[in-house]
């Protein structure tokens, strides 16, 4: 035993230790990716599954609806905007001979009306008699400092981004538990891993979703219910246009980073792949945000200094 420990010590403190450790880490990463690729599940497993998606009238939700539908799932689409949902469905079925059982279903939903959500869950379940996958996607962001933002902004964002999805989850859990099967997916954000200046309400709501998923995942594993959280960086959607300003009005500006973000179709494809292969906590973003998340948890003072610089730049 002593000789083994001595060899490990000599390896760590040898002159080539850094190089060897680097090669070891790279080797582990390559082997892990190869293993995942060889054991990857096909999206054909989605055929016939019932998927309920909130915020499906545009952006990520629309792209997810189309991705699941293209892979044979029975899709239920919800949002406040009924007319937009109709347009999305028309685009999904255009030129196709769709069986009535597989026709995408529309279920209007306003997440801010939390007193109605439990009834909505019952309606969603009754459409096909089951919901295999719940995708909590709908949400709203904000722009403005903590000092200037009204409390109503914080309350609304927490209501829509956290409490409403929580109500949906709590209402659907008994049914999934009884079936001993189900998937619950949260579309979060890198801001659920780290907070940036002038997004405090949004970041707080996404941090809450992260904590909820981490607790829930362990609690329901015994019932064969899988809980996933997927955290994207900037995705090309209307999130910044619809963000709330300090007084609760619409921000109404397409941020440059959002305009240059990942296509929602690409993100949706990745999300479905990760869910099919049961990757339970995934960050989908470029290297710089990933480095920032790493810094936040491993070099916090550096991260806080960078955030101060960003805050000062944005306030100019």
Protein backbone atom coordinates (compact mmCIF):
# COMPACT_ATOMS: atom_id res chain seq x y z
CA UNK A 1 0.00 0.00 0.00
CA UNK A 2 2.84 2.36 0.94
CA UNK A 3 4.65 1.72 -2.33
CA UNK A 4 1.51 2.58 -4.31
CA UNK A 5 1.08 5.87 -2.44
CA UNK A 6 4.75 6.64 -2.97
CA UNK A 7 4.41 6.11 -6.71
CA UNK A 8 1.39 8.42 -6.83
CA UNK A 9 3.34 11.05 -4.88
CA UNK A 10 6.33 10.76 -7.17
CA UNK A 11 4.07 11.06 -10.21
CA UNK A 12 2.32 14.18 -8.92
CA UNK A 13 5.53 15.96 -8.01
CA UNK A 14 7.58 14.88 -11.00
CA UNK A 15 8.68 17.49 -13.55
CA UNK A 16 6.39 16.01 -16.17
CA UNK A 17 3.39 15.84 -13.84
CA UNK A 18 1.54 18.75 -15.42
CA UNK A 19 1.98 17.33 -18.89
CA UNK A 20 0.96 13.85 -17.78
CA UNK A 21 -2.07 15.13 -15.90
CA UNK A 22 -3.09 17.20 -18.91
CA UNK A 23 -2.84 14.17 -21.18
CA UNK A 24 -4.78 12.11 -18.64
CA UNK A 25 -7.61 14.66 -18.50
CA UNK A 26 -7.75 14.89 -22.30
CA UNK A 27 -7.78 11.10 -22.52
CA UNK A 28 -10.65 10.83 -20.05
CA UNK A 29 -12.66 13.45 -21.96
CA UNK A 30 -12.07 11.70 -25.30
CA UNK A 31 -12.98 8.29 -23.87
CA UNK A 32 -16.12 9.68 -22.23
CA UNK A 33 -17.27 11.27 -25.47
CA UNK A 34 -16.52 8.09 -27.40
CA UNK A 35 -18.43 6.01 -24.86
CA UNK A 36 -21.42 8.36 -25.03
CA UNK A 37 -21.39 8.30 -28.83
CA UNK A 38 -21.21 4.50 -28.98
CA UNK A 39 -24.03 4.19 -26.45
CA UNK A 40 -26.18 7.05 -27.72
CA UNK A 41 -29.88 6.37 -27.93
CA UNK A 42 -31.80 7.21 -31.07
CA UNK A 43 -34.58 9.78 -31.13
CA UNK A 44 -36.82 7.04 -32.49
CA UNK A 45 -37.52 6.25 -28.83
CA UNK A 46 -39.72 9.36 -28.88
CA UNK A 47 -42.23 7.86 -31.31
CA UNK A 48 -45.66 7.88 -29.72
CA UNK A 49 -44.52 9.76 -26.60
CA UNK A 50 -46.75 12.60 -25.41
CA UNK A 51 -44.81 15.84 -24.91
CA UNK A 52 -46.28 19.00 -23.36
CA UNK A 53 -44.30 22.18 -24.08
CA UNK A 54 -44.94 25.59 -22.52
CA UNK A 55 -43.98 28.77 -24.35
CA UNK A 56 -44.40 26.93 -27.65
CA UNK A 57 -45.59 29.87 -29.76
CA UNK A 58 -42.08 31.10 -30.63
CA UNK A 59 -38.37 30.72 -30.05
CA UNK A 60 -37.07 27.72 -28.14
CA UNK A 61 -40.54 26.37 -27.39
CA UNK A 62 -41.59 26.45 -31.03
CA UNK A 63 -38.34 24.78 -32.08
CA UNK A 64 -38.76 22.08 -29.42
CA UNK A 65 -42.33 21.41 -30.57
CA UNK A 66 -41.14 20.97 -34.15
CA UNK A 67 -38.21 18.77 -33.10
CA UNK A 68 -40.30 16.43 -30.98
CA UNK A 69 -43.03 16.27 -33.62
CA UNK A 70 -40.49 15.50 -36.36
CA UNK A 71 -39.34 12.53 -34.30
CA UNK A 72 -42.80 11.03 -33.92
CA UNK A 73 -43.94 12.47 -30.60
CA UNK A 74 -47.49 13.62 -29.91
CA UNK A 75 -47.07 17.28 -29.05
CA UNK A 76 -49.23 19.51 -26.86
CA UNK A 77 -48.32 23.18 -27.30
CA UNK A 78 -49.12 25.89 -24.77
CA UNK A 79 -48.66 29.65 -24.54
CA UNK A 80 -50.74 32.78 -24.06
CA UNK A 81 -50.81 33.54 -27.78
CA UNK A 82 -53.40 31.23 -29.35
CA UNK A 83 -53.06 32.69 -32.86
CA UNK A 84 -49.29 32.19 -32.84
CA UNK A 85 -49.78 28.59 -31.73
CA UNK A 86 -52.10 28.04 -34.69
CA UNK A 87 -49.43 29.38 -37.06
CA UNK A 88 -46.81 27.11 -35.51
CA UNK A 89 -49.07 24.08 -35.87
CA UNK A 90 -49.93 24.98 -39.47
CA UNK A 91 -46.22 25.13 -40.29
CA UNK A 92 -45.62 21.77 -38.58
CA UNK A 93 -48.29 19.87 -40.51
CA UNK A 94 -48.11 21.68 -43.87
CA UNK A 95 -48.04 19.19 -46.74
CA UNK A 96 -48.22 16.18 -44.43
CA UNK A 97 -50.90 13.56 -44.04
CA UNK A 98 -51.24 13.54 -40.26
CA UNK A 99 -53.26 10.97 -38.36
CA UNK A 100 -55.79 12.69 -36.07
CA UNK A 101 -54.22 10.97 -33.05
CA UNK A 102 -50.84 12.52 -33.88
CA UNK A 103 -52.06 16.03 -34.73
CA UNK A 104 -50.32 18.65 -32.55
CA UNK A 105 -52.73 19.88 -29.91
CA UNK A 106 -53.12 23.47 -28.69
CA UNK A 107 -53.78 24.29 -25.05
CA UNK A 108 -53.77 28.03 -24.19
CA UNK A 109 -51.88 28.78 -21.00
CA UNK A 110 -51.04 31.95 -19.06
CA UNK A 111 -48.43 31.10 -16.43
CA UNK A 112 -49.11 34.32 -14.53
CA UNK A 113 -52.60 33.00 -13.66
CA UNK A 114 -51.31 30.47 -11.16
CA UNK A 115 -54.75 29.72 -9.72
CA UNK A 116 -55.71 28.08 -13.04
CA UNK A 117 -52.64 25.91 -13.56
CA UNK A 118 -53.76 22.76 -11.75
CA UNK A 119 -56.88 22.63 -13.93
CA UNK A 120 -54.72 23.14 -17.03
CA UNK A 121 -52.63 20.11 -16.05
CA UNK A 122 -55.80 18.01 -15.89
CA UNK A 123 -56.82 19.24 -19.35
CA UNK A 124 -53.38 18.52 -20.77
CA UNK A 125 -53.36 15.01 -19.31
CA UNK A 126 -56.84 14.25 -20.61
CA UNK A 127 -55.91 14.99 -24.25
CA UNK A 128 -54.05 11.69 -24.67
CA UNK A 129 -54.61 10.17 -21.24
CA UNK A 130 -50.96 10.64 -20.33
CA UNK A 131 -48.02 13.06 -20.46
CA UNK A 132 -44.66 11.37 -20.87
CA UNK A 133 -42.54 14.51 -21.07
CA UNK A 134 -43.15 17.99 -19.62
CA UNK A 135 -40.95 20.75 -21.04
CA UNK A 136 -41.05 23.84 -18.81
CA UNK A 137 -39.79 26.39 -21.30
CA UNK A 138 -41.89 29.56 -21.05
CA UNK A 139 -40.25 32.47 -19.27
CA UNK A 140 -39.53 36.17 -19.11
CA UNK A 141 -36.32 38.13 -18.49
CA UNK A 142 -35.55 41.61 -17.18
CA UNK A 143 -33.24 44.55 -17.73
CA UNK A 144 -32.32 46.96 -14.96
CA UNK A 145 -30.48 47.39 -11.69
CA UNK A 146 -31.65 46.02 -8.36
CA UNK A 147 -31.97 49.56 -7.02
CA UNK A 148 -34.18 50.80 -9.86
CA UNK A 149 -36.34 47.73 -10.54
CA UNK A 150 -39.77 47.68 -8.93
CA UNK A 151 -40.74 44.79 -6.68
CA UNK A 152 -43.60 43.97 -9.06
CA UNK A 153 -40.98 43.06 -11.68
CA UNK A 154 -39.34 40.59 -9.30
CA UNK A 155 -42.69 39.11 -8.26
CA UNK A 156 -43.87 38.67 -11.85
CA UNK A 157 -40.66 37.04 -13.04
CA UNK A 158 -40.51 34.66 -10.07
CA UNK A 159 -44.19 33.84 -10.63
CA UNK A 160 -43.75 33.01 -14.32
CA UNK A 161 -40.27 31.48 -14.29
CA UNK A 162 -40.33 29.57 -11.01
CA UNK A 163 -43.64 29.29 -9.16
CA UNK A 164 -45.76 28.49 -12.24
CA UNK A 165 -43.49 25.65 -13.44
CA UNK A 166 -43.34 24.40 -9.86
CA UNK A 167 -47.15 24.25 -9.73
CA UNK A 168 -47.21 22.31 -13.02
CA UNK A 169 -44.62 19.88 -11.67
CA UNK A 170 -46.44 19.35 -8.37
CA UNK A 171 -49.72 18.74 -10.20
CA UNK A 172 -48.25 16.25 -12.66
CA UNK A 173 -45.98 14.36 -10.24
CA UNK A 174 -48.69 12.16 -8.67
CA UNK A 175 -49.72 10.95 -12.12
CA UNK A 176 -46.14 10.23 -13.21
CA UNK A 177 -45.44 8.58 -9.86
CA UNK A 178 -48.42 6.28 -10.29
CA UNK A 179 -47.18 5.29 -13.77
CA UNK A 180 -43.58 4.93 -12.55
CA UNK A 181 -42.43 6.85 -15.61
CA UNK A 182 -41.93 10.37 -16.90
CA UNK A 183 -39.53 13.15 -17.82
CA UNK A 184 -39.54 16.71 -16.53
CA UNK A 185 -37.34 19.14 -18.45
CA UNK A 186 -36.54 22.70 -17.43
CA UNK A 187 -35.15 25.13 -19.99
CA UNK A 188 -32.99 27.31 -17.78
CA UNK A 189 -30.05 29.58 -18.66
CA UNK A 190 -26.37 30.00 -17.95
CA UNK A 191 -27.69 32.69 -15.62
CA UNK A 192 -29.00 29.86 -13.48
CA UNK A 193 -25.33 28.97 -12.95
CA UNK A 194 -23.98 32.51 -12.61
CA UNK A 195 -25.61 35.92 -12.33
CA UNK A 196 -24.64 38.96 -14.37
CA UNK A 197 -25.36 42.65 -13.70
CA UNK A 198 -28.77 44.11 -14.58
CA UNK A 199 -30.42 40.67 -14.85
CA UNK A 200 -30.95 39.97 -11.15
CA UNK A 201 -34.63 38.97 -11.29
CA UNK A 202 -34.10 36.61 -14.22
CA UNK A 203 -30.95 35.10 -12.72
CA UNK A 204 -32.64 34.63 -9.35
CA UNK A 205 -35.55 32.77 -10.97
CA UNK A 206 -33.21 30.50 -12.91
CA UNK A 207 -31.07 29.80 -9.83
CA UNK A 208 -34.30 28.79 -8.10
CA UNK A 209 -35.12 26.40 -10.96
CA UNK A 210 -31.64 24.89 -10.71
CA UNK A 211 -32.07 24.22 -6.99
CA UNK A 212 -35.56 22.82 -7.53
CA UNK A 213 -34.31 20.38 -10.17
CA UNK A 214 -31.38 19.24 -8.04
CA UNK A 215 -33.66 18.44 -5.10
CA UNK A 216 -36.50 16.99 -7.18
CA UNK A 217 -34.21 14.75 -9.23
CA UNK A 218 -33.08 12.84 -6.15
CA UNK A 219 -36.56 12.65 -4.66
CA UNK A 220 -38.32 11.13 -7.68
CA UNK A 221 -35.58 8.85 -9.02
CA UNK A 222 -37.11 5.93 -7.10
CA UNK A 223 -40.26 6.36 -9.21
CA UNK A 224 -38.36 6.24 -12.52
CA UNK A 225 -39.05 9.94 -13.13
CA UNK A 226 -36.14 11.73 -14.78
CA UNK A 227 -35.50 15.43 -14.15
CA UNK A 228 -33.39 17.45 -16.59
CA UNK A 229 -32.23 21.04 -16.64
CA UNK A 230 -30.68 22.50 -19.79
CA UNK A 231 -28.91 25.85 -19.51
CA UNK A 232 -28.27 27.70 -22.79
CA UNK A 233 -26.24 30.78 -23.43
CA UNK A 234 -27.64 33.32 -25.87
CA UNK A 235 -30.27 31.88 -28.21
CA UNK A 236 -31.77 33.87 -31.08
CA UNK A 237 -35.25 34.48 -29.65
CA UNK A 238 -37.45 37.39 -28.55
CA UNK A 239 -36.39 37.06 -24.91
CA UNK A 240 -34.67 40.46 -24.77
CA UNK A 241 -37.46 42.16 -26.74
CA UNK A 242 -40.03 40.93 -24.22
CA UNK A 243 -37.86 41.48 -21.15
CA UNK A 244 -39.25 43.71 -18.42
CA UNK A 245 -37.69 47.11 -17.81
CA UNK A 246 -37.36 48.54 -14.30
CA UNK A 247 -40.96 49.81 -14.32
CA UNK A 248 -42.43 46.60 -15.74
CA UNK A 249 -42.77 47.85 -19.32
CA UNK A 250 -41.27 45.92 -22.23
CA UNK A 251 -37.57 46.42 -22.86
CA UNK A 252 -38.32 46.32 -26.59
CA UNK A 253 -34.70 46.03 -27.74
CA UNK A 254 -33.04 43.07 -29.45
CA UNK A 255 -29.72 42.74 -27.63
CA UNK A 256 -26.67 42.25 -29.83
CA UNK A 257 -25.64 39.04 -28.07
CA UNK A 258 -29.15 37.62 -28.44
CA UNK A 259 -29.29 38.52 -32.14
CA UNK A 260 -26.00 36.69 -32.65
CA UNK A 261 -26.98 33.73 -30.47
CA UNK A 262 -27.50 30.09 -31.31
CA UNK A 263 -30.37 29.23 -33.63
CA UNK A 264 -33.31 27.90 -31.59
CA UNK A 265 -33.58 24.92 -33.95
CA UNK A 266 -30.02 23.85 -33.14
CA UNK A 267 -30.62 24.27 -29.43
CA UNK A 268 -33.85 22.25 -29.59
CA UNK A 269 -32.09 19.42 -31.41
CA UNK A 270 -29.37 19.33 -28.75
CA UNK A 271 -31.92 19.49 -25.92
CA UNK A 272 -33.85 16.51 -27.28
CA UNK A 273 -30.63 14.55 -27.83
CA UNK A 274 -29.48 15.18 -24.26
CA UNK A 275 -32.88 14.27 -22.82
CA UNK A 276 -33.12 11.05 -24.85
CA UNK A 277 -29.66 10.10 -23.58
CA UNK A 278 -30.53 11.15 -20.01
CA UNK A 279 -27.94 13.89 -19.60
CA UNK A 280 -29.51 15.45 -16.53
CA UNK A 281 -27.72 18.80 -16.21
CA UNK A 282 -26.32 20.33 -19.39
CA UNK A 283 -24.86 23.72 -20.27
CA UNK A 284 -25.06 24.60 -23.97
CA UNK A 285 -23.01 27.70 -24.71
CA UNK A 286 -19.67 28.90 -26.14
CA UNK A 287 -16.37 28.58 -24.29
CA UNK A 288 -16.37 32.06 -22.70
CA UNK A 289 -19.60 31.62 -20.67
CA UNK A 290 -18.40 28.15 -19.65
CA UNK A 291 -15.13 29.68 -18.48
CA UNK A 292 -17.08 32.29 -16.51
CA UNK A 293 -19.10 29.55 -14.79
CA UNK A 294 -15.86 27.73 -13.96
CA UNK A 295 -14.34 30.94 -12.59
CA UNK A 296 -17.40 31.69 -10.46
CA UNK A 297 -17.07 28.41 -8.57
CA UNK A 298 -13.29 28.02 -8.61
CA UNK A 299 -11.80 31.53 -8.81
CA UNK A 300 -14.65 33.64 -7.38
CA UNK A 301 -12.68 36.82 -6.83
CA UNK A 302 -11.67 36.89 -10.49
CA UNK A 303 -15.28 36.33 -11.53
CA UNK A 304 -16.55 39.12 -9.25
CA UNK A 305 -13.91 41.51 -10.61
CA UNK A 306 -14.97 40.75 -14.20
CA UNK A 307 -18.63 41.31 -13.27
CA UNK A 308 -17.74 44.69 -11.71
CA UNK A 309 -16.08 45.71 -14.97
CA UNK A 310 -19.16 44.60 -16.90
CA UNK A 311 -21.48 46.48 -14.56
CA UNK A 312 -19.43 49.66 -14.87
CA UNK A 313 -19.39 49.38 -18.67
CA UNK A 314 -23.15 48.85 -18.86
CA UNK A 315 -23.87 51.79 -16.57
CA UNK A 316 -21.91 54.25 -18.70
